[in-house]
Amino acid sequence: MAQYSFRLPNADYLGFPATTEAIVQTACKAEELGFDALFVNDHVIVDDSPRNEPWRNVYDPLMALSYVAARTSTIKLGTSVLIMPYRNPIVTAKMFATLDQMSGGRAIAGIGAGWNAEEYDALGVTFRQRGARTNEYLRLWKACWEPGPTTFHGRFFSFDNMHVNPKPVQQPHPPIWIGGSGKLSLRRAARYADVWQPTPTALADLISNRAYLHDLSAEMDREPPRTRMSFRVNFSNITGSSGSDSDRPTGQGTPDQVASDMKRYRQEAGLEEFQINFNGSGSLQNLLDSMDVLVEEVIPKVDA
C-alpha cells in the first residue's frame, strides 16, 4: 500500500486566497481521511513578476504548522520546502525542534535551496552561495539536534560549547526531506536526506534520476533515501479541466485517468509515496471535494 501526503493551501497557488480557516479545515480533513502527512510551501518576499503571483500571499510555514499541530493529533507536519539558505540555521533548527516537541514528534524538515534571486537580494543573502549554505546548514542542524552542548565550525557559522534547546523528540533528528531534481540537488539528497522529494517529474526522468541517486548513495556508503514525488492532481469533473488522453497532463482528468497515471508510476518507477498537490483547484470547496474523490475513487485503484 502506497503512502499519501497532502499540500496545505498556505499560499494562493491553488487559485483561491490562503486563509487561516482554509488551512485548518483542510488539515483536519486530511487527518480524518487518513493522509499520513501535511506539507506547507515557503516564500518570504517576492516581486510583481507574473511567475510570483501565486507566492504574494504565503503564510509562514513553521508558524502555520505550529497552529495546525494544535488542531490535529496524529498526522505528520512538514515543510515542502523551506528555503533553507536565506534563514538563520540555528533559529530554524530550534524552531523545528520546538515544533517536534509541541506536536509529539510529528515534524518533517523538508528543505530546498530556492530559485528566486530577487528574493535573496531583498533578504540580503548572496544567491550564488545558496548551495554552499544549504550543505553547511544541514550539517549545523544535525549538530544542534544532537544531545548536549553544540560545537560547530564551518564557513558561515563557527562556535564552541553552546546550548541549543529544546532537542527534538525524534532521534537522531526529524526526517530531512530534500527537494529538487538537478545533479547538485541529487548529490545533496544522497548525502543528507532521509527522503528525496522531486517536483512533478516525467516518468522516464524519475526512473533515471532515482537510478542516479542510488548510485550516488552507494558511492557514499549510505542507504538511498526514499522517494516521495510531488504529484499534481486536477479532476476534470470538479474543476472543468479537459483534454484527450493523448495530450492531457499527467494527473489531470477523470478519477480513472488519474488512478491510471499514479499506478503507472508505482509499477514502472517503483514509486510508493505521493505528495498530492491539487493544483488549480480554484476554490476551497473544489479542494475539499477533490480530497474526497482521491480517497474514495483513486487510491483504492492505485493500491489494488
C-alpha atoms as a PDB file:
ATOM      1  CA  MET A   1       0.000   0.000   0.000  1.00  0.00           C
ATOM      2  CA  ALA A   2       1.395   3.380  -1.023  1.00  0.00           C
ATOM      3  CA  GLN A   3       1.638   6.402   1.275  1.00  0.00           C
ATOM      4  CA  TYR A   4      -0.097   9.691   0.542  1.00  0.00           C
ATOM      5  CA  SER A   5       0.605  13.139   1.932  1.00  0.00           C
ATOM      6  CA  PHE A   6      -1.089  16.432   1.153  1.00  0.00           C
ATOM      7  CA  ARG A   7      -0.118  20.034   0.379  1.00  0.00           C
ATOM      8  CA  LEU A   8      -1.991  22.577   2.501  1.00  0.00           C
ATOM      9  CA  PRO A   9      -3.240  25.850   0.961  1.00  0.00           C
ATOM     10  CA  ASN A  10      -0.928  28.162   2.926  1.00  0.00           C
ATOM     11  CA  ALA A  11      -0.382  30.221  -0.241  1.00  0.00           C
ATOM     12  CA  ASP A  12      -2.596  31.393  -3.110  1.00  0.00           C
ATOM     13  CA  TYR A  13      -1.088  28.902  -5.578  1.00  0.00           C
ATOM     14  CA  LEU A  14      -4.253  26.758  -5.733  1.00  0.00           C
ATOM     15  CA  GLY A  15      -6.259  29.595  -7.247  1.00  0.00           C
ATOM     16  CA  PHE A  16      -8.015  30.905  -4.144  1.00  0.00           C
ATOM     17  CA  PRO A  17      -6.847  33.067  -1.226  1.00  0.00           C
ATOM     18  CA  ALA A  18      -4.977  31.357   1.589  1.00  0.00           C
ATOM     19  CA  THR A  19      -6.700  31.908   4.939  1.00  0.00           C
ATOM     20  CA  THR A  20      -6.368  30.524   8.451  1.00  0.00           C
ATOM     21  CA  GLU A  21      -9.756  28.851   8.079  1.00  0.00           C
ATOM     22  CA  ALA A  22      -8.795  27.138   4.804  1.00  0.00           C
ATOM     23  CA  ILE A  23      -5.526  25.864   6.253  1.00  0.00           C
ATOM     24  CA  VAL A  24      -7.162  24.433   9.376  1.00  0.00           C
ATOM     25  CA  GLN A  25     -10.176  22.973   7.577  1.00  0.00           C
ATOM     26  CA  THR A  26      -8.079  21.104   5.028  1.00  0.00           C
ATOM     27  CA  ALA A  27      -5.577  19.955   7.671  1.00  0.00           C
ATOM     28  CA  CYS A  28      -8.293  18.441   9.854  1.00  0.00           C
ATOM     29  CA  LYS A  29      -9.961  16.826   6.840  1.00  0.00           C
ATOM     30  CA  ALA A  30      -6.643  15.348   5.656  1.00  0.00           C
ATOM     31  CA  GLU A  31      -6.106  13.743   9.065  1.00  0.00           C
ATOM     32  CA  GLU A  32      -9.679  12.442   9.076  1.00  0.00           C
ATOM     33  CA  LEU A  33      -9.246  10.924   5.594  1.00  0.00           C
ATOM     34  CA  GLY A  34      -6.044   9.116   6.564  1.00  0.00           C
ATOM     35  CA  PHE A  35      -3.308  11.096   4.803  1.00  0.00           C
ATOM     36  CA  ASP A  36      -0.027  10.399   6.594  1.00  0.00           C
ATOM     37  CA  ALA A  37       1.464  13.918   6.419  1.00  0.00           C
ATOM     38  CA  LEU A  38       0.727  17.582   5.671  1.00  0.00           C
ATOM     39  CA  PHE A  39       3.085  19.994   3.944  1.00  0.00           C
ATOM     40  CA  VAL A  40       3.290  23.755   3.500  1.00  0.00           C
ATOM     41  CA  ASN A  41       5.064  25.979   0.966  1.00  0.00           C
ATOM     42  CA  ASP A  42       7.531  28.790   1.541  1.00  0.00           C
ATOM     43  CA  HIS A  43       8.403  32.226   0.205  1.00  0.00           C
ATOM     44  CA  VAL A  44       9.139  35.310   2.298  1.00  0.00           C
ATOM     45  CA  ILE A  45       9.134  38.241  -0.122  1.00  0.00           C
ATOM     46  CA  VAL A  46       8.553  38.360  -3.894  1.00  0.00           C
ATOM     47  CA  ASP A  47       8.310  40.953  -6.648  1.00  0.00           C
ATOM     48  CA  ASP A  48       5.456  41.801  -9.030  1.00  0.00           C
ATOM     49  CA  SER A  49       6.504  39.489 -11.866  1.00  0.00           C
ATOM     50  CA  PRO A  50       3.791  37.103 -13.156  1.00  0.00           C
ATOM     51  CA  ARG A  51       5.710  33.991 -12.061  1.00  0.00           C
ATOM     52  CA  ASN A  52       5.497  35.200  -8.458  1.00  0.00           C
ATOM     53  CA  GLU A  53       1.746  35.827  -8.433  1.00  0.00           C
ATOM     54  CA  PRO A  54       0.955  32.570  -6.553  1.00  0.00           C
ATOM     55  CA  TRP A  55       3.536  33.474  -3.881  1.00  0.00           C
ATOM     56  CA  ARG A  56       2.485  37.023  -2.950  1.00  0.00           C
ATOM     57  CA  ASN A  57       0.428  35.737  -0.017  1.00  0.00           C
ATOM     58  CA  VAL A  58       2.229  32.929   1.837  1.00  0.00           C
ATOM     59  CA  TYR A  59       1.577  32.081   5.479  1.00  0.00           C
ATOM     60  CA  ASP A  60       4.881  31.450   7.253  1.00  0.00           C
ATOM     61  CA  PRO A  61       5.417  27.678   7.092  1.00  0.00           C
ATOM     62  CA  LEU A  62       6.602  26.969  10.633  1.00  0.00           C
ATOM     63  CA  MET A  63       4.095  29.328  12.227  1.00  0.00           C
ATOM     64  CA  ALA A  64       1.305  27.718  10.195  1.00  0.00           C
ATOM     65  CA  LEU A  65       2.424  24.209  11.156  1.00  0.00           C
ATOM     66  CA  SER A  66       2.546  25.156  14.834  1.00  0.00           C
ATOM     67  CA  TYR A  67      -1.066  26.310  14.609  1.00  0.00           C
ATOM     68  CA  VAL A  68      -2.087  23.153  12.740  1.00  0.00           C
ATOM     69  CA  ALA A  69      -0.271  20.989  15.311  1.00  0.00           C
ATOM     70  CA  ALA A  70      -2.665  22.234  17.969  1.00  0.00           C
ATOM     71  CA  ARG A  71      -5.684  21.306  15.819  1.00  0.00           C
ATOM     72  CA  THR A  72      -4.540  17.795  14.862  1.00  0.00           C
ATOM     73  CA  SER A  73      -3.211  14.807  16.775  1.00  0.00           C
ATOM     74  CA  THR A  74      -1.549  12.174  14.583  1.00  0.00           C
ATOM     75  CA  ILE A  75      -0.728  13.488  11.118  1.00  0.00           C
ATOM     76  CA  LYS A  76       2.908  14.417  10.375  1.00  0.00           C
ATOM     77  CA  LEU A  77       3.701  18.102   9.784  1.00  0.00           C
ATOM     78  CA  GLY A  78       6.291  19.158   7.231  1.00  0.00           C
ATOM     79  CA  THR A  79       7.697  21.900   5.044  1.00  0.00           C
ATOM     80  CA  SER A  80       7.797  21.362   1.300  1.00  0.00           C
ATOM     81  CA  VAL A  81      10.052  23.018   1.039  1.00  0.00           C
ATOM     82  CA  LEU A  82      11.549  25.501   3.489  1.00  0.00           C
ATOM     83  CA  ILE A  83      14.007  27.703   1.612  1.00  0.00           C
ATOM     84  CA  MET A  84      16.941  26.988   3.849  1.00  0.00           C
ATOM     85  CA  PRO A  85      19.871  29.236   2.828  1.00  0.00           C
ATOM     86  CA  TYR A  86      18.306  32.646   3.460  1.00  0.00           C
ATOM     87  CA  ARG A  87      17.301  31.847   7.046  1.00  0.00           C
ATOM     88  CA  ASN A  88      19.455  31.703  10.161  1.00  0.00           C
ATOM     89  CA  PRO A  89      20.028  27.945  10.535  1.00  0.00           C
ATOM     90  CA  ILE A  90      20.361  27.991  14.321  1.00  0.00           C
ATOM     91  CA  VAL A  91      16.987  29.687  14.648  1.00  0.00           C
ATOM     92  CA  THR A  92      15.316  27.285  12.219  1.00  0.00           C
ATOM     93  CA  ALA A  93      16.895  24.257  13.942  1.00  0.00           C
ATOM     94  CA  LYS A  94      15.400  25.496  17.207  1.00  0.00           C
ATOM     95  CA  MET A  95      12.016  26.131  15.553  1.00  0.00           C
ATOM     96  CA  PHE A  96      11.855  22.612  14.112  1.00  0.00           C
ATOM     97  CA  ALA A  97      12.868  21.103  17.466  1.00  0.00           C
ATOM     98  CA  THR A  98      10.166  23.162  19.184  1.00  0.00           C
ATOM     99  CA  LEU A  99       7.561  22.052  16.627  1.00  0.00           C
ATOM    100  CA  ASP A 100       8.653  18.448  17.121  1.00  0.00           C
ATOM    101  CA  GLN A 101       8.328  18.758  20.904  1.00  0.00           C
ATOM    102  CA  MET A 102       4.962  20.516  20.855  1.00  0.00           C
ATOM    103  CA  SER A 103       3.473  18.133  18.274  1.00  0.00           C
ATOM    104  CA  GLY A 104       4.700  14.980  19.992  1.00  0.00           C
ATOM    105  CA  GLY A 105       7.310  14.066  17.387  1.00  0.00           C
ATOM    106  CA  ARG A 106       5.467  14.874  14.152  1.00  0.00           C
ATOM    107  CA  ALA A 107       7.826  17.351  12.434  1.00  0.00           C
ATOM    108  CA  ILE A 108       9.358  16.781   8.985  1.00  0.00           C
ATOM    109  CA  ALA A 109      12.131  19.135   7.859  1.00  0.00           C
ATOM    110  CA  GLY A 110      11.744  19.466   4.101  1.00  0.00           C
ATOM    111  CA  ILE A 111      14.262  21.850   2.556  1.00  0.00           C
ATOM    112  CA  GLY A 112      15.405  23.303  -0.743  1.00  0.00           C
ATOM    113  CA  ALA A 113      17.911  25.887  -1.950  1.00  0.00           C
ATOM    114  CA  GLY A 114      15.374  28.136  -3.699  1.00  0.00           C
ATOM    115  CA  TRP A 115      15.336  29.672  -7.176  1.00  0.00           C
ATOM    116  CA  ASN A 116      14.302  33.320  -6.764  1.00  0.00           C
ATOM    117  CA  ALA A 117      17.379  35.566  -6.975  1.00  0.00           C
ATOM    118  CA  GLU A 118      15.343  38.724  -6.300  1.00  0.00           C
ATOM    119  CA  GLU A 119      14.037  37.207  -3.068  1.00  0.00           C
ATOM    120  CA  TYR A 120      17.608  36.515  -1.936  1.00  0.00           C
ATOM    121  CA  ASP A 121      18.638  40.083  -2.799  1.00  0.00           C
ATOM    122  CA  ALA A 122      15.757  41.539  -0.778  1.00  0.00           C
ATOM    123  CA  LEU A 123      16.734  39.390   2.213  1.00  0.00           C
ATOM    124  CA  GLY A 124      20.393  40.383   1.990  1.00  0.00           C
ATOM    125  CA  VAL A 125      21.753  36.911   1.219  1.00  0.00           C
ATOM    126  CA  THR A 126      24.037  36.130  -1.723  1.00  0.00           C
ATOM    127  CA  PHE A 127      22.141  33.983  -4.230  1.00  0.00           C
ATOM    128  CA  ARG A 128      25.222  32.240  -5.625  1.00  0.00           C
ATOM    129  CA  GLN A 129      26.107  30.968  -2.128  1.00  0.00           C
ATOM    130  CA  ARG A 130      22.829  29.116  -1.688  1.00  0.00           C
ATOM    131  CA  GLY A 131      24.277  25.658  -2.423  1.00  0.00           C
ATOM    132  CA  ALA A 132      27.238  26.049  -0.074  1.00  0.00           C
ATOM    133  CA  ARG A 133      24.992  27.477   2.636  1.00  0.00           C
ATOM    134  CA  THR A 134      22.463  24.661   2.280  1.00  0.00           C
ATOM    135  CA  ASN A 135      25.119  21.972   2.687  1.00  0.00           C
ATOM    136  CA  GLU A 136      26.666  23.661   5.724  1.00  0.00           C
ATOM    137  CA  TYR A 137      23.305  24.443   7.316  1.00  0.00           C
ATOM    138  CA  LEU A 138      22.233  20.794   7.047  1.00  0.00           C
ATOM    139  CA  ARG A 139      25.339  19.783   8.992  1.00  0.00           C
ATOM    140  CA  LEU A 140      24.679  22.559  11.508  1.00  0.00           C
ATOM    141  CA  TRP A 141      21.072  21.474  12.020  1.00  0.00           C
ATOM    142  CA  LYS A 142      22.191  17.946  12.817  1.00  0.00           C
ATOM    143  CA  ALA A 143      24.797  19.269  15.253  1.00  0.00           C
ATOM    144  CA  CYS A 144      22.192  21.436  17.010  1.00  0.00           C
ATOM    145  CA  TRP A 145      19.839  18.465  17.363  1.00  0.00           C
ATOM    146  CA  GLU A 146      22.408  16.180  18.989  1.00  0.00           C
ATOM    147  CA  PRO A 147      22.255  15.764  22.798  1.00  0.00           C
ATOM    148  CA  GLY A 148      24.277  18.174  24.912  1.00  0.00           C
ATOM    149  CA  PRO A 149      26.050  21.439  24.047  1.00  0.00           C
ATOM    150  CA  THR A 150      26.791  22.170  20.396  1.00  0.00           C
ATOM    151  CA  THR A 151      30.174  22.849  18.816  1.00  0.00           C
ATOM    152  CA  PHE A 152      30.357  23.641  15.109  1.00  0.00           C
ATOM    153  CA  HIS A 153      32.973  25.064  12.764  1.00  0.00           C
ATOM    154  CA  GLY A 154      32.064  25.965   9.205  1.00  0.00           C
ATOM    155  CA  ARG A 155      32.496  28.656   6.583  1.00  0.00           C
ATOM    156  CA  PHE A 156      29.440  30.673   7.635  1.00  0.00           C
ATOM    157  CA  PHE A 157      28.984  29.706  11.313  1.00  0.00           C
ATOM    158  CA  SER A 158      31.522  28.784  13.971  1.00  0.00           C
ATOM    159  CA  PHE A 159      31.099  28.402  17.736  1.00  0.00           C
ATOM    160  CA  ASP A 160      32.048  26.187  20.674  1.00  0.00           C
ATOM    161  CA  ASN A 161      30.087  24.611  23.508  1.00  0.00           C
ATOM    162  CA  MET A 162      26.802  26.492  23.048  1.00  0.00           C
ATOM    163  CA  HIS A 163      23.367  25.357  24.248  1.00  0.00           C
ATOM    164  CA  VAL A 164      20.607  24.997  21.647  1.00  0.00           C
ATOM    165  CA  ASN A 165      17.459  23.617  23.242  1.00  0.00           C
ATOM    166  CA  PRO A 166      14.958  22.010  23.212  1.00  0.00           C
ATOM    167  CA  LYS A 167      16.132  18.946  21.361  1.00  0.00           C
ATOM    168  CA  PRO A 168      13.644  17.219  19.041  1.00  0.00           C
ATOM    169  CA  VAL A 169      11.556  14.253  20.158  1.00  0.00           C
ATOM    170  CA  GLN A 170      12.536  12.265  17.069  1.00  0.00           C
ATOM    171  CA  GLN A 171      16.067  10.928  17.288  1.00  0.00           C
ATOM    172  CA  PRO A 172      18.591  11.367  15.924  1.00  0.00           C
ATOM    173  CA  HIS A 173      16.520  14.182  14.354  1.00  0.00           C
ATOM    174  CA  PRO A 174      13.272  14.893  12.474  1.00  0.00           C
ATOM    175  CA  PRO A 175      13.289  13.348   8.995  1.00  0.00           C
ATOM    176  CA  ILE A 176      15.114  15.528   6.469  1.00  0.00           C
ATOM    177  CA  TRP A 177      13.468  15.742   3.063  1.00  0.00           C
ATOM    178  CA  ILE A 178      15.399  17.371   0.238  1.00  0.00           C
ATOM    179  CA  GLY A 179      13.711  18.673  -2.889  1.00  0.00           C
ATOM    180  CA  GLY A 180      14.991  19.268  -6.397  1.00  0.00           C
ATOM    181  CA  SER A 181      15.911  17.195  -9.435  1.00  0.00           C
ATOM    182  CA  GLY A 182      19.189  18.733 -10.618  1.00  0.00           C
ATOM    183  CA  LYS A 183      22.511  16.951 -10.255  1.00  0.00           C
ATOM    184  CA  LEU A 184      23.586  19.064  -7.260  1.00  0.00           C
ATOM    185  CA  SER A 185      20.242  18.508  -5.508  1.00  0.00           C
ATOM    186  CA  LEU A 186      20.501  14.765  -6.085  1.00  0.00           C
ATOM    187  CA  ARG A 187      24.030  14.702  -4.689  1.00  0.00           C
ATOM    188  CA  ARG A 188      22.825  16.665  -1.638  1.00  0.00           C
ATOM    189  CA  ALA A 189      19.916  14.254  -1.180  1.00  0.00           C
ATOM    190  CA  ALA A 190      22.215  11.242  -1.431  1.00  0.00           C
ATOM    191  CA  ARG A 191      24.468  12.662   1.287  1.00  0.00           C
ATOM    192  CA  TYR A 192      21.970  14.158   3.748  1.00  0.00           C
ATOM    193  CA  ALA A 193      18.351  13.172   3.032  1.00  0.00           C
ATOM    194  CA  ASP A 194      16.043  10.639   4.588  1.00  0.00           C
ATOM    195  CA  VAL A 195      13.614  11.301   1.732  1.00  0.00           C
ATOM    196  CA  TRP A 196      14.230  12.754  -1.727  1.00  0.00           C
ATOM    197  CA  GLN A 197      11.279  14.758  -2.964  1.00  0.00           C
ATOM    198  CA  PRO A 198      11.353  15.664  -6.652  1.00  0.00           C
ATOM    199  CA  THR A 199       8.960  18.159  -8.145  1.00  0.00           C
ATOM    200  CA  PRO A 200       6.407  16.722 -10.625  1.00  0.00           C
ATOM    201  CA  THR A 201       8.613  14.759 -12.996  1.00  0.00           C
ATOM    202  CA  ALA A 202       8.093  12.815 -16.211  1.00  0.00           C
ATOM    203  CA  LEU A 203       8.167   9.074 -15.634  1.00  0.00           C
ATOM    204  CA  ALA A 204      11.336   8.437 -17.657  1.00  0.00           C
ATOM    205  CA  ASP A 205      13.166  11.261 -15.859  1.00  0.00           C
ATOM    206  CA  LEU A 206      12.082   9.950 -12.455  1.00  0.00           C
ATOM    207  CA  ILE A 207      13.396   6.481 -13.278  1.00  0.00           C
ATOM    208  CA  SER A 208      16.713   7.931 -14.479  1.00  0.00           C
ATOM    209  CA  ASN A 209      17.109  10.276 -11.503  1.00  0.00           C
ATOM    210  CA  ARG A 210      16.317   7.543  -8.984  1.00  0.00           C
ATOM    211  CA  ALA A 211      18.948   5.299 -10.540  1.00  0.00           C
ATOM    212  CA  TYR A 212      21.484   8.137 -10.347  1.00  0.00           C
ATOM    213  CA  LEU A 213      20.510   8.820  -6.720  1.00  0.00           C
ATOM    214  CA  HIS A 214      21.007   5.166  -5.802  1.00  0.00           C
ATOM    215  CA  ASP A 215      24.410   5.144  -7.499  1.00  0.00           C
ATOM    216  CA  LEU A 216      25.455   8.255  -5.566  1.00  0.00           C
ATOM    217  CA  SER A 217      24.251   6.737  -2.294  1.00  0.00           C
ATOM    218  CA  ALA A 218      26.287   3.602  -2.943  1.00  0.00           C
ATOM    219  CA  GLU A 219      29.386   5.737  -3.578  1.00  0.00           C
ATOM    220  CA  MET A 220      28.798   7.446  -0.225  1.00  0.00           C
ATOM    221  CA  ASP A 221      28.120   4.129   1.540  1.00  0.00           C
ATOM    222  CA  ARG A 222      24.642   5.300   2.571  1.00  0.00           C
ATOM    223  CA  GLU A 223      21.240   3.723   2.213  1.00  0.00           C
ATOM    224  CA  PRO A 224      19.477   5.587  -0.613  1.00  0.00           C
ATOM    225  CA  PRO A 225      16.789   7.966   0.615  1.00  0.00           C
ATOM    226  CA  ARG A 226      13.181   7.070  -0.029  1.00  0.00           C
ATOM    227  CA  THR A 227      11.416   8.947  -2.825  1.00  0.00           C
ATOM    228  CA  ARG A 228       8.144  10.852  -2.405  1.00  0.00           C
ATOM    229  CA  MET A 229       7.235  12.753  -5.553  1.00  0.00           C
ATOM    230  CA  SER A 230       5.046  15.826  -5.622  1.00  0.00           C
ATOM    231  CA  PHE A 231       2.116  14.730  -7.807  1.00  0.00           C
ATOM    232  CA  ARG A 232      -0.252  17.331  -9.239  1.00  0.00           C
ATOM    233  CA  VAL A 233      -3.894  16.223  -9.392  1.00  0.00           C
ATOM    234  CA  ASN A 234      -6.715  18.065 -11.149  1.00  0.00           C
ATOM    235  CA  PHE A 235     -10.056  16.275 -11.505  1.00  0.00           C
ATOM    236  CA  SER A 236     -11.820  17.398 -14.686  1.00  0.00           C
ATOM    237  CA  ASN A 237     -15.282  16.700 -13.263  1.00  0.00           C
ATOM    238  CA  ILE A 238     -14.597  19.136 -10.401  1.00  0.00           C
ATOM    239  CA  THR A 239     -12.543  21.937 -11.947  1.00  0.00           C
ATOM    240  CA  GLY A 240     -13.788  21.738 -15.534  1.00  0.00           C
ATOM    241  CA  SER A 241     -10.346  20.944 -16.961  1.00  0.00           C
ATOM    242  CA  SER A 242     -10.333  18.750 -20.027  1.00  0.00           C
ATOM    243  CA  GLY A 243      -8.094  17.111 -22.562  1.00  0.00           C
ATOM    244  CA  SER A 244      -7.914  13.957 -24.628  1.00  0.00           C
ATOM    245  CA  ASP A 245      -5.922  11.079 -23.240  1.00  0.00           C
ATOM    246  CA  SER A 246      -3.171  11.771 -25.773  1.00  0.00           C
ATOM    247  CA  ASP A 247      -2.484  15.372 -24.761  1.00  0.00           C
ATOM    248  CA  ARG A 248      -3.703  15.734 -21.169  1.00  0.00           C
ATOM    249  CA  PRO A 249      -1.079  16.460 -18.483  1.00  0.00           C
ATOM    250  CA  THR A 250      -0.227  13.651 -16.087  1.00  0.00           C
ATOM    251  CA  GLY A 251      -2.567  13.768 -13.086  1.00  0.00           C
ATOM    252  CA  GLN A 252      -5.312  15.708 -14.869  1.00  0.00           C
ATOM    253  CA  GLY A 253      -8.579  14.100 -15.946  1.00  0.00           C
ATOM    254  CA  THR A 254     -11.188  11.743 -14.590  1.00  0.00           C
ATOM    255  CA  PRO A 255     -10.606   9.775 -11.393  1.00  0.00           C
ATOM    256  CA  ASP A 256      -9.909   6.669 -13.503  1.00  0.00           C
ATOM    257  CA  GLN A 257      -7.323   8.526 -15.608  1.00  0.00           C
ATOM    258  CA  VAL A 258      -5.583   9.924 -12.524  1.00  0.00           C
ATOM    259  CA  ALA A 259      -5.554   6.477 -10.902  1.00  0.00           C
ATOM    260  CA  SER A 260      -4.035   5.023 -14.071  1.00  0.00           C
ATOM    261  CA  ASP A 261      -1.292   7.680 -14.063  1.00  0.00           C
ATOM    262  CA  MET A 262      -0.404   7.059 -10.435  1.00  0.00           C
ATOM    263  CA  LYS A 263      -0.453   3.287 -10.854  1.00  0.00           C
ATOM    264  CA  ARG A 264       1.957   3.602 -13.796  1.00  0.00           C
ATOM    265  CA  TYR A 265       4.417   5.498 -11.576  1.00  0.00           C
ATOM    266  CA  ARG A 266       4.125   2.751  -8.965  1.00  0.00           C
ATOM    267  CA  GLN A 267       4.611  -0.096 -11.417  1.00  0.00           C
ATOM    268  CA  GLU A 268       7.290   1.377 -13.692  1.00  0.00           C
ATOM    269  CA  ALA A 269       9.270   3.609 -11.294  1.00  0.00           C
ATOM    270  CA  GLY A 270       8.636   1.765  -8.037  1.00  0.00           C
ATOM    271  CA  LEU A 271       7.156   4.926  -6.519  1.00  0.00           C
ATOM    272  CA  GLU A 272       5.445   4.121  -3.223  1.00  0.00           C
ATOM    273  CA  GLU A 273       4.958   7.620  -1.822  1.00  0.00           C
ATOM    274  CA  PHE A 274       2.974  10.508  -3.298  1.00  0.00           C
ATOM    275  CA  GLN A 275       2.658  14.085  -2.095  1.00  0.00           C
ATOM    276  CA  ILE A 276      -0.658  15.228  -3.545  1.00  0.00           C
ATOM    277  CA  ASN A 277      -0.897  18.787  -4.834  1.00  0.00           C
ATOM    278  CA  PHE A 278      -4.390  19.748  -6.040  1.00  0.00           C
ATOM    279  CA  ASN A 279      -3.030  22.424  -8.352  1.00  0.00           C
ATOM    280  CA  GLY A 280      -5.640  24.645  -9.970  1.00  0.00           C
ATOM    281  CA  SER A 281      -8.457  23.738  -7.564  1.00  0.00           C
ATOM    282  CA  GLY A 282      -9.876  27.240  -7.948  1.00  0.00           C
ATOM    283  CA  SER A 283     -11.835  27.235  -4.693  1.00  0.00           C
ATOM    284  CA  LEU A 284     -11.703  25.770  -1.208  1.00  0.00           C
ATOM    285  CA  GLN A 285     -14.809  23.683  -1.905  1.00  0.00           C
ATOM    286  CA  ASN A 286     -13.224  22.200  -5.032  1.00  0.00           C
ATOM    287  CA  LEU A 287     -10.163  21.316  -2.964  1.00  0.00           C
ATOM    288  CA  LEU A 288     -12.248  19.604  -0.283  1.00  0.00           C
ATOM    289  CA  ASP A 289     -14.258  17.722  -2.929  1.00  0.00           C
ATOM    290  CA  SER A 290     -11.028  16.650  -4.664  1.00  0.00           C
ATOM    291  CA  MET A 291      -9.720  15.203  -1.398  1.00  0.00           C
ATOM    292  CA  ASP A 292     -12.846  13.044  -1.109  1.00  0.00           C
ATOM    293  CA  VAL A 293     -12.608  11.863  -4.720  1.00  0.00           C
ATOM    294  CA  LEU A 294      -8.946  10.949  -4.328  1.00  0.00           C
ATOM    295  CA  VAL A 295      -9.571   8.859  -1.216  1.00  0.00           C
ATOM    296  CA  GLU A 296     -12.815   7.246  -2.389  1.00  0.00           C
ATOM    297  CA  GLU A 297     -12.224   6.721  -6.121  1.00  0.00           C
ATOM    298  CA  VAL A 298      -8.494   6.905  -6.857  1.00  0.00           C
ATOM    299  CA  ILE A 299      -6.411   5.491  -4.007  1.00  0.00           C
ATOM    300  CA  PRO A 300      -8.280   2.143  -3.897  1.00  0.00           C
ATOM    301  CA  LYS A 301      -7.445   1.628  -7.602  1.00  0.00           C
ATOM    302  CA  VAL A 302      -3.809   2.692  -7.173  1.00  0.00           C
ATOM    303  CA  ASP A 303      -3.353   0.310  -4.251  1.00  0.00           C
ATOM    304  CA  ALA A 304      -5.228  -2.594  -5.873  1.00  0.00           C
END
